[in-house]
């Protein structure tokens, strides 16, 4: 058998050479796996950081929404108080109730575009009423300012709602990415540990 190997020009490795080859193989695998693990660890850290930031953004948005809802209702309350003191006392009950009904519609949960249309219509009617009673333009300006501020609050609420939808779209892919990366992270960690143990074992034999 040895003669046949010699004739074929094949050199049989010694035990020391075989061990060295195995050691080198485990070193190479270990280097490759550690590099992949480092890249994955960095990416996983970034994805988890992004998920944490998205969660914090949602909390801030929720808090801001509560503030804006309160502010919007506050502006309409100030508007009603303004009309109560300066306009309603000079109007008949039917007109007063009609104006109050219009305000009720406007301050409900409606889209900013709809709010703008109702506001324009309301201001046109109120202008006629105030001019007919000779109450002055100052009241109109104050009412318009309060309604504009209320509408701006509603506009920001809509923008936040759109941002929340965008965050929700990204939530699914982030969760899937984190789950997948963690699974691979664990697998690579186990693989690296096995290569380290094998390398340690074969290096002792090499000595």
Protein backbone atom coordinates (compact mmCIF):
# COMPACT_ATOMS: atom_id res chain seq x y z
CA UNK A 1 0.00 0.00 0.00
CA UNK A 2 2.82 2.39 0.96
CA UNK A 3 4.67 1.47 -2.21
CA UNK A 4 1.57 2.36 -4.33
CA UNK A 5 1.28 5.76 -2.59
CA UNK A 6 4.96 6.46 -3.16
CA UNK A 7 4.62 5.51 -6.82
CA UNK A 8 1.64 7.86 -7.25
CA UNK A 9 3.68 10.73 -5.81
CA UNK A 10 1.36 11.19 -2.86
CA UNK A 11 3.02 12.19 0.41
CA UNK A 12 1.35 11.01 3.60
CA UNK A 13 1.13 13.79 6.18
CA UNK A 14 2.63 13.20 9.57
CA UNK A 15 0.47 13.39 12.69
CA UNK A 16 1.96 16.79 13.50
CA UNK A 17 1.15 18.15 10.04
CA UNK A 18 -2.41 16.83 10.25
CA UNK A 19 -2.92 18.50 13.63
CA UNK A 20 -1.47 21.76 12.28
CA UNK A 21 -3.89 21.60 9.33
CA UNK A 22 -6.84 21.06 11.67
CA UNK A 23 -5.67 23.94 13.91
CA UNK A 24 -5.36 26.22 10.88
CA UNK A 25 -8.84 25.22 9.68
CA UNK A 26 -10.43 26.09 13.04
CA UNK A 27 -8.50 29.38 13.16
CA UNK A 28 -9.78 30.33 9.72
CA UNK A 29 -13.36 29.42 10.57
CA UNK A 30 -13.07 31.27 13.89
CA UNK A 31 -11.79 34.42 12.17
CA UNK A 32 -14.60 34.31 9.58
CA UNK A 33 -17.30 33.68 12.19
CA UNK A 34 -16.00 36.39 14.52
CA UNK A 35 -16.03 38.90 11.66
CA UNK A 36 -19.61 37.94 10.71
CA UNK A 37 -20.63 38.03 14.39
CA UNK A 38 -19.15 41.53 14.81
CA UNK A 39 -21.01 42.87 11.76
CA UNK A 40 -24.25 41.22 12.87
CA UNK A 41 -23.81 42.45 16.44
CA UNK A 42 -23.38 46.03 15.16
CA UNK A 43 -26.43 45.77 12.87
CA UNK A 44 -28.56 44.19 15.59
CA UNK A 45 -27.55 46.97 17.98
CA UNK A 46 -28.60 49.58 15.42
CA UNK A 47 -31.95 47.89 14.71
CA UNK A 48 -32.69 47.63 18.45
CA UNK A 49 -31.70 51.30 18.90
CA UNK A 50 -34.03 52.27 16.04
CA UNK A 51 -36.86 50.26 17.60
CA UNK A 52 -36.23 51.96 20.97
CA UNK A 53 -36.22 55.41 19.32
CA UNK A 54 -39.46 54.59 17.47
CA UNK A 55 -41.08 53.56 20.76
CA UNK A 56 -39.95 56.82 22.42
CA UNK A 57 -41.27 58.78 19.43
CA UNK A 58 -44.67 57.11 19.81
CA UNK A 59 -44.75 58.01 23.51
CA UNK A 60 -43.88 61.65 22.72
CA UNK A 61 -46.50 61.73 19.95
CA UNK A 62 -49.15 60.38 22.29
CA UNK A 63 -48.30 63.02 24.87
CA UNK A 64 -48.32 65.77 22.23
CA UNK A 65 -51.70 64.58 20.94
CA UNK A 66 -53.23 64.94 24.40
CA UNK A 67 -51.81 68.47 24.69
CA UNK A 68 -53.13 69.46 21.24
CA UNK A 69 -56.60 68.04 21.89
CA UNK A 70 -56.75 70.00 25.14
CA UNK A 71 -55.44 73.17 23.46
CA UNK A 72 -57.96 72.91 20.63
CA UNK A 73 -60.88 72.57 23.02
CA UNK A 74 -59.46 75.43 25.09
CA UNK A 75 -59.44 77.76 22.07
CA UNK A 76 -63.07 76.94 21.33
CA UNK A 77 -63.99 77.42 24.98
CA UNK A 78 -62.30 80.86 24.93
CA UNK A 79 -64.19 81.62 21.72
CA UNK A 80 -67.51 80.69 23.31
CA UNK A 81 -66.73 82.80 26.39
CA UNK A 82 -65.87 85.73 24.14
CA UNK A 83 -69.17 85.44 22.28
CA UNK A 84 -71.13 84.96 25.52
CA UNK A 85 -69.76 88.24 26.93
CA UNK A 86 -69.78 90.37 23.80
CA UNK A 87 -72.33 89.01 21.31
CA UNK A 88 -74.95 86.57 22.61
CA UNK A 89 -76.42 89.07 25.09
CA UNK A 90 -77.35 91.30 22.15
CA UNK A 91 -78.88 88.51 20.00
CA UNK A 92 -82.26 86.80 20.09
CA UNK A 93 -82.38 83.24 21.43
CA UNK A 94 -82.91 81.64 17.99
CA UNK A 95 -79.80 83.29 16.49
CA UNK A 96 -77.76 82.55 19.60
CA UNK A 97 -78.69 78.85 19.49
CA UNK A 98 -77.88 78.70 15.78
CA UNK A 99 -74.40 80.15 16.36
CA UNK A 100 -73.81 77.77 19.28
CA UNK A 101 -74.86 74.81 17.09
CA UNK A 102 -72.37 75.86 14.40
CA UNK A 103 -69.56 76.06 16.96
CA UNK A 104 -70.49 72.59 18.23
CA UNK A 105 -70.09 71.18 14.70
CA UNK A 106 -66.74 72.87 14.17
CA UNK A 107 -65.17 71.80 17.45
CA UNK A 108 -66.05 68.13 16.93
CA UNK A 109 -63.58 65.52 15.72
CA UNK A 110 -63.29 66.54 12.07
CA UNK A 111 -60.58 66.78 9.45
CA UNK A 112 -58.68 70.13 9.23
CA UNK A 113 -59.99 70.68 5.67
CA UNK A 114 -63.57 70.29 6.86
CA UNK A 115 -62.81 72.51 9.85
CA UNK A 116 -61.52 75.23 7.50
CA UNK A 117 -64.70 75.08 5.37
CA UNK A 118 -66.97 75.28 8.41
CA UNK A 119 -64.85 78.10 9.84
CA UNK A 120 -65.12 80.14 6.62
CA UNK A 121 -68.87 79.66 6.54
CA UNK A 122 -69.19 80.47 10.26
CA UNK A 123 -67.09 83.64 9.99
CA UNK A 124 -69.17 84.89 7.01
CA UNK A 125 -72.40 84.41 9.02
CA UNK A 126 -70.93 85.94 12.17
CA UNK A 127 -69.66 88.94 10.19
CA UNK A 128 -73.20 89.67 8.99
CA UNK A 129 -74.63 89.30 12.51
CA UNK A 130 -71.99 91.56 14.10
CA UNK A 131 -72.29 94.23 11.43
CA UNK A 132 -76.08 94.19 11.69
CA UNK A 133 -75.78 94.77 15.43
CA UNK A 134 -72.95 97.31 15.04
CA UNK A 135 -70.65 95.42 17.39
CA UNK A 136 -67.37 96.28 15.66
CA UNK A 137 -64.67 94.37 13.78
CA UNK A 138 -62.52 93.76 16.85
CA UNK A 139 -64.73 90.85 17.99
CA UNK A 140 -64.48 89.26 14.54
CA UNK A 141 -60.69 89.43 14.61
CA UNK A 142 -60.53 87.82 18.05
CA UNK A 143 -62.92 85.05 17.01
CA UNK A 144 -60.95 84.43 13.80
CA UNK A 145 -57.66 84.19 15.76
CA UNK A 146 -59.09 81.64 18.23
CA UNK A 147 -60.53 79.52 15.41
CA UNK A 148 -57.26 79.65 13.46
CA UNK A 149 -55.29 78.50 16.50
CA UNK A 150 -57.78 75.67 17.07
CA UNK A 151 -57.51 74.62 13.41
CA UNK A 152 -53.68 74.65 13.60
CA UNK A 153 -53.86 72.30 16.59
CA UNK A 154 -56.09 69.99 14.56
CA UNK A 155 -53.66 70.18 11.63
CA UNK A 156 -50.76 69.11 13.84
CA UNK A 157 -52.90 66.27 15.20
CA UNK A 158 -53.39 65.03 11.65
CA UNK A 159 -49.64 65.24 10.93
CA UNK A 160 -48.93 63.20 14.07
CA UNK A 161 -51.50 60.59 13.02
CA UNK A 162 -49.73 60.26 9.65
CA UNK A 163 -46.34 59.91 11.37
CA UNK A 164 -47.77 57.19 13.62
CA UNK A 165 -48.93 55.26 10.55
CA UNK A 166 -45.42 55.44 9.09
CA UNK A 167 -43.98 54.12 12.36
CA UNK A 168 -46.51 51.28 12.41
CA UNK A 169 -45.48 50.26 8.88
CA UNK A 170 -41.87 49.98 10.01
CA UNK A 171 -42.70 48.12 13.25
CA UNK A 172 -43.43 44.80 11.52
CA UNK A 173 -40.22 44.69 9.52
CA UNK A 174 -38.16 45.82 12.55
CA UNK A 175 -39.60 43.06 14.76
CA UNK A 176 -38.95 40.45 12.06
CA UNK A 177 -35.41 41.74 11.52
CA UNK A 178 -34.64 41.71 15.27
CA UNK A 179 -36.02 38.17 15.66
CA UNK A 180 -34.06 36.88 12.66
CA UNK A 181 -30.84 38.64 13.71
CA UNK A 182 -31.09 37.39 17.30
CA UNK A 183 -31.52 33.81 16.08
CA UNK A 184 -28.46 34.12 13.83
CA UNK A 185 -26.59 35.94 16.61
CA UNK A 186 -27.18 33.03 18.98
CA UNK A 187 -26.22 30.44 16.33
CA UNK A 188 -22.95 32.23 15.52
CA UNK A 189 -22.12 32.63 19.21
CA UNK A 190 -22.51 28.86 19.71
CA UNK A 191 -20.48 28.15 16.55
CA UNK A 192 -17.64 30.44 17.71
CA UNK A 193 -17.59 28.76 21.13
CA UNK A 194 -17.29 25.31 19.51
CA UNK A 195 -14.45 26.46 17.26
CA UNK A 196 -12.67 27.96 20.29
CA UNK A 197 -13.03 24.72 22.22
CA UNK A 198 -11.84 22.66 19.22
CA UNK A 199 -8.90 25.02 18.63
CA UNK A 200 -7.91 24.83 22.27
CA UNK A 201 -8.06 21.00 22.15
CA UNK A 202 -5.99 20.62 18.95
CA UNK A 203 -3.40 23.24 19.97
CA UNK A 204 -2.70 21.22 23.13
CA UNK A 205 -2.13 18.10 21.00
CA UNK A 206 0.14 20.11 18.72
CA UNK A 207 2.48 20.77 21.64
